[in-house]
Amino acid sequence: MSPGDEGQTRTRLPEGGGDVYGGARRGGRSSSRSLVTVVGVVVLLIAAIAFANRGGDDSSSSSGSAGKPKTSPTSASGTKPVRSGYAHDQQGAQSAAANYAVALSSADMFSKVRRDAILQDIITPSRVTDFESTLDKAYTPAFNKAVGLNEDGSTPSGYTFVSRTSPIGTKVTAASDNDATVEVWCSGLLGLAGEKSTNPVTNSWFTDTLQLRWSGGDWKIVTQSQKAGPAPVPGDDKASSADEMAKAVEEYGGFTYAR
């Protein structure tokens, strides 16, 4: 894997449309997420989870929330998982890639301040500026509005914004002492939960490919690309109501670790 191999950037951005809630059965593919090519020198991901000490809750309206359980990052042990310091081997690279896929696929990426902090943590230093510049061009007021948010990226009153990714598995496709390319197979949720939402929470399947480099004592992202699938045959589950989905998001905290 050549250090100079950068190529064309491509980032997964959700589309603005979507069916309203109403108990419809899921389709085989989500229309709320799509692959969008962004010309540049680095590959960028939409989205992020907050690392444990930064807060990575899905954004939700504050109205009517009194007495409800609050979303919080969770881990198997109940303690905050490490966000860095992965082992300098292939398993460490896979762990880093899985966690980074989660980190770059949550609601925090819609906040300029939180997004930049995440990029500082997980991108190799020489590429941070490129990532920041391209993502700033992607997360525009028009884009935020297209996914159902306010122009400033905040969630409209009475709704709950959901953006989460769950890694299903990882695979190393190339490796050397200080470089590794890891594929992360993921399932994702994206949408706006609420009675009148035209962008309801939908599910998608995709595979992220992360080129990592050992830098400063840890694995860092050099480039990322994404492709759709593999997607399983959709089940016979009936879609939940807007209230049920919003309640689930509020009561079940998103994970801040993956592998």
C-alpha atoms as a PDB file:
ATOM      1  CA  MET A   1       0.000   0.000   0.000  1.00  0.00           C
ATOM      2  CA  SER A   2       1.643   3.217  -1.143  1.00  0.00           C
ATOM      3  CA  PRO A   3       1.648   6.193   1.243  1.00  0.00           C
ATOM      4  CA  GLY A   4       0.871   8.429  -1.708  1.00  0.00           C
ATOM      5  CA  ASP A   5      -2.145   6.455  -2.828  1.00  0.00           C
ATOM      6  CA  GLU A   6      -4.988   8.861  -2.225  1.00  0.00           C
ATOM      7  CA  GLY A   7      -7.313   8.735  -5.201  1.00  0.00           C
ATOM      8  CA  GLN A   8     -10.767  10.188  -5.451  1.00  0.00           C
ATOM      9  CA  THR A   9     -12.921  10.921  -2.450  1.00  0.00           C
ATOM     10  CA  ARG A  10     -16.331   9.393  -1.931  1.00  0.00           C
ATOM     11  CA  THR A  11     -18.644   9.885   1.000  1.00  0.00           C
ATOM     12  CA  ARG A  12     -22.004   8.406   1.919  1.00  0.00           C
ATOM     13  CA  LEU A  13     -24.642  11.100   2.236  1.00  0.00           C
ATOM     14  CA  PRO A  14     -28.322  10.514   3.000  1.00  0.00           C
ATOM     15  CA  GLU A  15     -30.921  11.657   0.517  1.00  0.00           C
ATOM     16  CA  GLY A  16     -33.543  14.157   1.543  1.00  0.00           C
ATOM     17  CA  GLY A  17     -36.682  12.141   0.748  1.00  0.00           C
ATOM     18  CA  GLY A  18     -38.366   9.239   2.442  1.00  0.00           C
ATOM     19  CA  ASP A  19     -41.724   7.671   3.181  1.00  0.00           C
ATOM     20  CA  VAL A  20     -43.659   8.730   6.233  1.00  0.00           C
ATOM     21  CA  TYR A  21     -44.187   6.415   9.166  1.00  0.00           C
ATOM     22  CA  GLY A  22     -47.161   4.154   8.972  1.00  0.00           C
ATOM     23  CA  GLY A  23     -46.249   0.536   9.654  1.00  0.00           C
ATOM     24  CA  ALA A  24     -44.977  -0.268   6.185  1.00  0.00           C
ATOM     25  CA  ARG A  25     -42.641  -3.217   5.821  1.00  0.00           C
ATOM     26  CA  ARG A  26     -39.012  -2.506   5.121  1.00  0.00           C
ATOM     27  CA  GLY A  27     -37.673  -2.581   1.626  1.00  0.00           C
ATOM     28  CA  GLY A  28     -34.467  -4.318   0.657  1.00  0.00           C
ATOM     29  CA  ARG A  29     -32.452  -1.091   0.420  1.00  0.00           C
ATOM     30  CA  SER A  30     -32.690   2.212   2.254  1.00  0.00           C
ATOM     31  CA  SER A  31     -33.462   5.275   0.151  1.00  0.00           C
ATOM     32  CA  SER A  32     -32.214   7.560   2.918  1.00  0.00           C
ATOM     33  CA  ARG A  33     -28.558   6.773   2.312  1.00  0.00           C
ATOM     34  CA  SER A  34     -26.667   6.953  -0.956  1.00  0.00           C
ATOM     35  CA  LEU A  35     -23.129   7.063  -2.247  1.00  0.00           C
ATOM     36  CA  VAL A  36     -22.069  10.513  -3.364  1.00  0.00           C
ATOM     37  CA  THR A  37     -18.761  11.211  -5.106  1.00  0.00           C
ATOM     38  CA  VAL A  38     -16.882  14.208  -3.795  1.00  0.00           C
ATOM     39  CA  VAL A  39     -13.856  15.282  -5.838  1.00  0.00           C
ATOM     40  CA  GLY A  40     -10.792  15.854  -3.655  1.00  0.00           C
ATOM     41  CA  VAL A  41      -7.722  14.233  -2.259  1.00  0.00           C
ATOM     42  CA  VAL A  42      -9.137  12.273   0.643  1.00  0.00           C
ATOM     43  CA  VAL A  43     -12.077  10.002   1.182  1.00  0.00           C
ATOM     44  CA  LEU A  44     -14.527  11.203   3.758  1.00  0.00           C
ATOM     45  CA  LEU A  45     -17.161   9.630   5.935  1.00  0.00           C
ATOM     46  CA  ILE A  46     -20.356  11.206   7.042  1.00  0.00           C
ATOM     47  CA  ALA A  47     -20.980  11.081  10.564  1.00  0.00           C
ATOM     48  CA  ALA A  48     -19.645  10.165  13.960  1.00  0.00           C
ATOM     49  CA  ILE A  49     -20.195   8.829  17.288  1.00  0.00           C
ATOM     50  CA  ALA A  50     -18.787  10.788  20.115  1.00  0.00           C
ATOM     51  CA  PHE A  51     -16.023   9.124  21.930  1.00  0.00           C
ATOM     52  CA  ALA A  52     -16.724   8.379  25.554  1.00  0.00           C
ATOM     53  CA  ASN A  53     -15.539  11.632  27.027  1.00  0.00           C
ATOM     54  CA  ARG A  54     -17.032  13.779  24.304  1.00  0.00           C
ATOM     55  CA  GLY A  55     -20.634  12.626  24.420  1.00  0.00           C
ATOM     56  CA  GLY A  56     -22.158  10.831  21.434  1.00  0.00           C
ATOM     57  CA  ASP A  57     -25.890  10.909  22.022  1.00  0.00           C
ATOM     58  CA  ASP A  58     -28.292  11.059  19.143  1.00  0.00           C
ATOM     59  CA  SER A  59     -29.790  14.518  18.954  1.00  0.00           C
ATOM     60  CA  SER A  60     -33.332  14.838  20.239  1.00  0.00           C
ATOM     61  CA  SER A  61     -35.831  17.502  21.148  1.00  0.00           C
ATOM     62  CA  SER A  62     -35.801  18.698  24.745  1.00  0.00           C
ATOM     63  CA  SER A  63     -39.551  19.171  24.839  1.00  0.00           C
ATOM     64  CA  GLY A  64     -41.503  16.580  26.766  1.00  0.00           C
ATOM     65  CA  SER A  65     -38.377  14.775  27.921  1.00  0.00           C
ATOM     66  CA  ALA A  66     -38.815  15.159  31.667  1.00  0.00           C
ATOM     67  CA  GLY A  67     -38.712  11.837  33.460  1.00  0.00           C
ATOM     68  CA  LYS A  68     -37.584   9.911  30.393  1.00  0.00           C
ATOM     69  CA  PRO A  69     -34.392   7.847  30.406  1.00  0.00           C
ATOM     70  CA  LYS A  70     -31.618   9.758  28.652  1.00  0.00           C
ATOM     71  CA  THR A  71     -29.496   8.339  25.867  1.00  0.00           C
ATOM     72  CA  SER A  72     -25.931   7.618  26.933  1.00  0.00           C
ATOM     73  CA  PRO A  73     -22.917   5.870  25.434  1.00  0.00           C
ATOM     74  CA  THR A  74     -22.670   2.361  26.805  1.00  0.00           C
ATOM     75  CA  SER A  75     -20.099  -0.379  27.018  1.00  0.00           C
ATOM     76  CA  ALA A  76     -20.208  -3.973  28.143  1.00  0.00           C
ATOM     77  CA  SER A  77     -18.378  -3.208  31.386  1.00  0.00           C
ATOM     78  CA  GLY A  78     -20.287  -0.039  32.158  1.00  0.00           C
ATOM     79  CA  THR A  79     -17.032   1.929  32.137  1.00  0.00           C
ATOM     80  CA  LYS A  80     -15.752   4.239  29.447  1.00  0.00           C
ATOM     81  CA  PRO A  81     -13.884   2.282  26.743  1.00  0.00           C
ATOM     82  CA  VAL A  82     -10.575   3.512  25.399  1.00  0.00           C
ATOM     83  CA  ARG A  83     -10.799   5.610  22.271  1.00  0.00           C
ATOM     84  CA  SER A  84      -7.180   5.205  21.238  1.00  0.00           C
ATOM     85  CA  GLY A  85      -4.100   3.155  21.945  1.00  0.00           C
ATOM     86  CA  TYR A  86      -4.906   0.185  19.694  1.00  0.00           C
ATOM     87  CA  ALA A  87      -2.424  -2.662  19.433  1.00  0.00           C
ATOM     88  CA  HIS A  88       0.260  -2.381  16.755  1.00  0.00           C
ATOM     89  CA  ASP A  89      -0.909  -5.481  14.898  1.00  0.00           C
ATOM     90  CA  GLN A  90      -3.660  -6.621  12.544  1.00  0.00           C
ATOM     91  CA  GLN A  91      -6.217  -7.142  15.311  1.00  0.00           C
ATOM     92  CA  GLY A  92      -5.516  -3.662  16.617  1.00  0.00           C
ATOM     93  CA  ALA A  93      -6.052  -2.274  13.109  1.00  0.00           C
ATOM     94  CA  GLN A  94      -9.384  -4.087  12.839  1.00  0.00           C
ATOM     95  CA  SER A  95     -10.502  -2.772  16.228  1.00  0.00           C
ATOM     96  CA  ALA A  96      -9.537   0.757  15.252  1.00  0.00           C
ATOM     97  CA  ALA A  97     -11.315   0.514  11.884  1.00  0.00           C
ATOM     98  CA  ALA A  98     -14.525  -0.796  13.458  1.00  0.00           C
ATOM     99  CA  ASN A  99     -14.575   1.944  16.068  1.00  0.00           C
ATOM    100  CA  TYR A 100     -13.746   4.629  13.523  1.00  0.00           C
ATOM    101  CA  ALA A 101     -16.613   3.492  11.275  1.00  0.00           C
ATOM    102  CA  VAL A 102     -18.932   3.922  14.254  1.00  0.00           C
ATOM    103  CA  ALA A 103     -17.357   7.259  15.169  1.00  0.00           C
ATOM    104  CA  LEU A 104     -17.851   8.685  11.711  1.00  0.00           C
ATOM    105  CA  SER A 105     -21.498   7.679  11.446  1.00  0.00           C
ATOM    106  CA  SER A 106     -23.335   9.471  14.232  1.00  0.00           C
ATOM    107  CA  ALA A 107     -25.176  12.704  14.789  1.00  0.00           C
ATOM    108  CA  ASP A 108     -22.055  14.427  16.107  1.00  0.00           C
ATOM    109  CA  MET A 109     -20.758  14.822  12.563  1.00  0.00           C
ATOM    110  CA  PHE A 110     -23.490  17.389  11.973  1.00  0.00           C
ATOM    111  CA  SER A 111     -21.831  19.704  14.504  1.00  0.00           C
ATOM    112  CA  LYS A 112     -18.768  21.539  13.169  1.00  0.00           C
ATOM    113  CA  VAL A 113     -17.106  21.670  16.608  1.00  0.00           C
ATOM    114  CA  ARG A 114     -17.649  17.993  17.439  1.00  0.00           C
ATOM    115  CA  ARG A 115     -16.831  16.884  13.883  1.00  0.00           C
ATOM    116  CA  ASP A 116     -13.476  18.643  13.886  1.00  0.00           C
ATOM    117  CA  ALA A 117     -12.613  17.186  17.299  1.00  0.00           C
ATOM    118  CA  ILE A 118     -13.371  13.683  16.041  1.00  0.00           C
ATOM    119  CA  LEU A 119     -11.242  14.171  12.938  1.00  0.00           C
ATOM    120  CA  GLN A 120      -8.342  15.384  15.078  1.00  0.00           C
ATOM    121  CA  ASP A 121      -8.558  12.127  17.035  1.00  0.00           C
ATOM    122  CA  ILE A 122      -8.786   9.566  14.251  1.00  0.00           C
ATOM    123  CA  ILE A 123      -7.278  11.021  11.059  1.00  0.00           C
ATOM    124  CA  THR A 124      -3.545  10.919  10.402  1.00  0.00           C
ATOM    125  CA  PRO A 125      -2.239  14.463  11.106  1.00  0.00           C
ATOM    126  CA  SER A 126      -1.163  15.219   7.541  1.00  0.00           C
ATOM    127  CA  ARG A 127      -4.703  14.587   6.269  1.00  0.00           C
ATOM    128  CA  VAL A 128      -6.834  16.330   8.898  1.00  0.00           C
ATOM    129  CA  THR A 129      -7.026  19.645   7.039  1.00  0.00           C
ATOM    130  CA  ASP A 130      -8.169  17.930   3.843  1.00  0.00           C
ATOM    131  CA  PHE A 131     -10.865  15.994   5.685  1.00  0.00           C
ATOM    132  CA  GLU A 132     -12.096  19.107   7.478  1.00  0.00           C
ATOM    133  CA  SER A 133     -12.228  21.149   4.265  1.00  0.00           C
ATOM    134  CA  THR A 134     -14.172  18.582   2.275  1.00  0.00           C
ATOM    135  CA  LEU A 135     -16.625  17.822   5.072  1.00  0.00           C
ATOM    136  CA  ASP A 136     -17.258  21.520   5.629  1.00  0.00           C
ATOM    137  CA  LYS A 137     -18.372  21.673   1.996  1.00  0.00           C
ATOM    138  CA  ALA A 138     -20.637  18.648   2.509  1.00  0.00           C
ATOM    139  CA  TYR A 139     -22.365  19.662   5.760  1.00  0.00           C
ATOM    140  CA  THR A 140     -24.067  22.783   4.448  1.00  0.00           C
ATOM    141  CA  PRO A 141     -27.319  24.356   5.661  1.00  0.00           C
ATOM    142  CA  ALA A 142     -29.010  22.966   2.550  1.00  0.00           C
ATOM    143  CA  PHE A 143     -27.731  19.464   3.301  1.00  0.00           C
ATOM    144  CA  ASN A 144     -28.877  19.652   6.927  1.00  0.00           C
ATOM    145  CA  LYS A 145     -32.316  20.738   5.771  1.00  0.00           C
ATOM    146  CA  ALA A 146     -32.440  17.904   3.237  1.00  0.00           C
ATOM    147  CA  VAL A 147     -32.054  15.260   5.964  1.00  0.00           C
ATOM    148  CA  GLY A 148     -34.750  16.899   8.098  1.00  0.00           C
ATOM    149  CA  LEU A 149     -32.601  19.002  10.435  1.00  0.00           C
ATOM    150  CA  ASN A 150     -32.581  22.746  10.931  1.00  0.00           C
ATOM    151  CA  GLU A 151     -30.093  24.629   8.771  1.00  0.00           C
ATOM    152  CA  ASP A 152     -27.646  24.872  11.695  1.00  0.00           C
ATOM    153  CA  GLY A 153     -27.691  21.081  12.148  1.00  0.00           C
ATOM    154  CA  SER A 154     -29.909  21.085  15.222  1.00  0.00           C
ATOM    155  CA  THR A 155     -32.963  18.836  15.520  1.00  0.00           C
ATOM    156  CA  PRO A 156     -36.418  20.367  15.019  1.00  0.00           C
ATOM    157  CA  SER A 157     -38.586  20.535  18.124  1.00  0.00           C
ATOM    158  CA  GLY A 158     -40.668  17.420  18.644  1.00  0.00           C
ATOM    159  CA  TYR A 159     -38.383  15.121  16.643  1.00  0.00           C
ATOM    160  CA  THR A 160     -35.468  12.768  17.344  1.00  0.00           C
ATOM    161  CA  PHE A 161     -32.593  12.594  14.884  1.00  0.00           C
ATOM    162  CA  VAL A 162     -30.920   9.197  14.533  1.00  0.00           C
ATOM    163  CA  SER A 163     -27.572   8.440  12.899  1.00  0.00           C
ATOM    164  CA  ARG A 164     -25.877   5.252  14.102  1.00  0.00           C
ATOM    165  CA  THR A 165     -23.752   2.483  12.624  1.00  0.00           C
ATOM    166  CA  SER A 166     -23.163  -1.055  13.877  1.00  0.00           C
ATOM    167  CA  PRO A 167     -20.147  -2.950  12.523  1.00  0.00           C
ATOM    168  CA  ILE A 168     -21.050  -6.533  11.626  1.00  0.00           C
ATOM    169  CA  GLY A 169     -17.523  -7.725  10.875  1.00  0.00           C
ATOM    170  CA  THR A 170     -14.043  -6.718   9.743  1.00  0.00           C
ATOM    171  CA  LYS A 171     -11.481  -8.053   7.261  1.00  0.00           C
ATOM    172  CA  VAL A 172      -7.851  -7.103   6.632  1.00  0.00           C
ATOM    173  CA  THR A 173      -7.177  -6.973   2.898  1.00  0.00           C
ATOM    174  CA  ALA A 174      -3.599  -5.647   3.010  1.00  0.00           C
ATOM    175  CA  ALA A 175      -1.071  -5.158   5.769  1.00  0.00           C
ATOM    176  CA  SER A 176       2.521  -4.276   6.501  1.00  0.00           C
ATOM    177  CA  ASP A 177       4.308  -3.230   9.669  1.00  0.00           C
ATOM    178  CA  ASN A 178       2.860   0.279   9.673  1.00  0.00           C
ATOM    179  CA  ASP A 179      -0.023   0.201   7.174  1.00  0.00           C
ATOM    180  CA  ALA A 180      -3.243  -1.754   6.985  1.00  0.00           C
ATOM    181  CA  THR A 181      -6.327  -1.742   4.808  1.00  0.00           C
ATOM    182  CA  VAL A 182      -9.430  -2.935   6.637  1.00  0.00           C
ATOM    183  CA  GLU A 183     -12.950  -3.514   5.330  1.00  0.00           C
ATOM    184  CA  VAL A 184     -15.776  -2.992   7.835  1.00  0.00           C
ATOM    185  CA  TRP A 185     -19.193  -4.448   7.013  1.00  0.00           C
ATOM    186  CA  CYS A 186     -21.852  -2.261   8.615  1.00  0.00           C
ATOM    187  CA  SER A 187     -25.548  -1.812   9.214  1.00  0.00           C
ATOM    188  CA  GLY A 188     -26.755   1.735   9.729  1.00  0.00           C
ATOM    189  CA  LEU A 189     -29.740   3.721  10.947  1.00  0.00           C
ATOM    190  CA  LEU A 190     -30.529   7.197   9.685  1.00  0.00           C
ATOM    191  CA  GLY A 191     -33.557   9.429   9.852  1.00  0.00           C
ATOM    192  CA  LEU A 192     -35.822  11.715  11.819  1.00  0.00           C
ATOM    193  CA  ALA A 193     -38.300  10.076  14.218  1.00  0.00           C
ATOM    194  CA  GLY A 194     -41.534  12.014  14.634  1.00  0.00           C
ATOM    195  CA  GLU A 195     -45.197  11.838  13.685  1.00  0.00           C
ATOM    196  CA  LYS A 196     -44.890  14.177  10.698  1.00  0.00           C
ATOM    197  CA  SER A 197     -41.390  13.217   9.621  1.00  0.00           C
ATOM    198  CA  THR A 198     -40.856  12.828   5.893  1.00  0.00           C
ATOM    199  CA  ASN A 199     -37.424  11.292   6.609  1.00  0.00           C
ATOM    200  CA  PRO A 200     -38.251   8.378   8.933  1.00  0.00           C
ATOM    201  CA  VAL A 201     -35.520   6.211  10.408  1.00  0.00           C
ATOM    202  CA  THR A 202     -34.446   3.598   7.868  1.00  0.00           C
ATOM    203  CA  ASN A 203     -31.823   0.870   7.754  1.00  0.00           C
ATOM    204  CA  SER A 204     -29.019   0.390   5.223  1.00  0.00           C
ATOM    205  CA  TRP A 205     -26.088  -1.970   4.672  1.00  0.00           C
ATOM    206  CA  PHE A 206     -22.671  -0.912   3.427  1.00  0.00           C
ATOM    207  CA  THR A 207     -18.968  -1.710   3.605  1.00  0.00           C
ATOM    208  CA  ASP A 208     -16.356   0.877   4.561  1.00  0.00           C
ATOM    209  CA  THR A 209     -12.761   0.416   3.430  1.00  0.00           C
ATOM    210  CA  LEU A 210     -10.290   2.233   5.672  1.00  0.00           C
ATOM    211  CA  GLN A 211      -6.626   2.698   4.851  1.00  0.00           C
ATOM    212  CA  LEU A 212      -4.866   3.050   8.205  1.00  0.00           C
ATOM    213  CA  ARG A 213      -1.349   4.096   9.101  1.00  0.00           C
ATOM    214  CA  TRP A 214       0.537   3.684  12.378  1.00  0.00           C
ATOM    215  CA  SER A 215       1.136   7.290  13.424  1.00  0.00           C
ATOM    216  CA  GLY A 216       2.085   8.719  16.805  1.00  0.00           C
ATOM    217  CA  GLY A 217       1.674   5.379  18.536  1.00  0.00           C
ATOM    218  CA  ASP A 218      -1.787   4.581  17.177  1.00  0.00           C
ATOM    219  CA  TRP A 219      -3.711   3.626  14.039  1.00  0.00           C
ATOM    220  CA  LYS A 220      -5.027   6.632  12.105  1.00  0.00           C
ATOM    221  CA  ILE A 221      -7.127   6.964   8.945  1.00  0.00           C
ATOM    222  CA  VAL A 222      -5.412   7.954   5.709  1.00  0.00           C
ATOM    223  CA  THR A 223      -8.296   7.359   3.274  1.00  0.00           C
ATOM    224  CA  GLN A 224     -11.773   5.841   3.313  1.00  0.00           C
ATOM    225  CA  SER A 225     -14.156   4.596   0.650  1.00  0.00           C
ATOM    226  CA  GLN A 226     -17.536   2.959   0.746  1.00  0.00           C
ATOM    227  CA  LYS A 227     -19.730   0.614  -1.250  1.00  0.00           C
ATOM    228  CA  ALA A 228     -23.282  -0.622  -0.778  1.00  0.00           C
ATOM    229  CA  GLY A 229     -23.995  -4.024   0.797  1.00  0.00           C
ATOM    230  CA  PRO A 230     -23.763  -6.893   1.313  1.00  0.00           C
ATOM    231  CA  ALA A 231     -27.440  -6.609   2.255  1.00  0.00           C
ATOM    232  CA  PRO A 232     -29.478  -9.528   3.601  1.00  0.00           C
ATOM    233  CA  VAL A 233     -32.975 -10.385   2.407  1.00  0.00           C
ATOM    234  CA  PRO A 234     -35.307  -8.059   4.348  1.00  0.00           C
ATOM    235  CA  GLY A 235     -37.299  -9.773   7.049  1.00  0.00           C
ATOM    236  CA  ASP A 236     -41.027  -9.737   7.641  1.00  0.00           C
ATOM    237  CA  ASP A 237     -40.806  -7.232  10.490  1.00  0.00           C
ATOM    238  CA  LYS A 238     -43.412  -4.507  10.634  1.00  0.00           C
ATOM    239  CA  ALA A 239     -41.947  -1.026  10.904  1.00  0.00           C
ATOM    240  CA  SER A 240     -42.396   0.600  14.312  1.00  0.00           C
ATOM    241  CA  SER A 241     -44.384   3.757  14.832  1.00  0.00           C
ATOM    242  CA  ALA A 242     -42.672   7.130  15.145  1.00  0.00           C
ATOM    243  CA  ASP A 243     -43.269   7.158  18.908  1.00  0.00           C
ATOM    244  CA  GLU A 244     -41.817   3.663  19.342  1.00  0.00           C
ATOM    245  CA  MET A 245     -38.720   4.553  17.343  1.00  0.00           C
ATOM    246  CA  ALA A 246     -38.149   7.820  19.194  1.00  0.00           C
ATOM    247  CA  LYS A 247     -38.566   6.056  22.546  1.00  0.00           C
ATOM    248  CA  ALA A 248     -36.063   3.364  21.564  1.00  0.00           C
ATOM    249  CA  VAL A 249     -33.482   5.960  20.551  1.00  0.00           C
ATOM    250  CA  GLU A 250     -33.945   7.869  23.805  1.00  0.00           C
ATOM    251  CA  GLU A 251     -33.744   4.783  26.021  1.00  0.00           C
ATOM    252  CA  TYR A 252     -31.017   2.755  24.302  1.00  0.00           C
ATOM    253  CA  GLY A 253     -27.638   4.478  24.342  1.00  0.00           C
ATOM    254  CA  GLY A 254     -25.352   4.185  21.347  1.00  0.00           C
ATOM    255  CA  PHE A 255     -22.132   2.205  21.717  1.00  0.00           C
ATOM    256  CA  THR A 256     -18.798   3.947  21.871  1.00  0.00           C
ATOM    257  CA  TYR A 257     -16.832   0.819  21.067  1.00  0.00           C
ATOM    258  CA  ALA A 258     -17.246  -1.856  18.442  1.00  0.00           C
ATOM    259  CA  ARG A 259     -14.665  -4.643  18.636  1.00  0.00           C
END
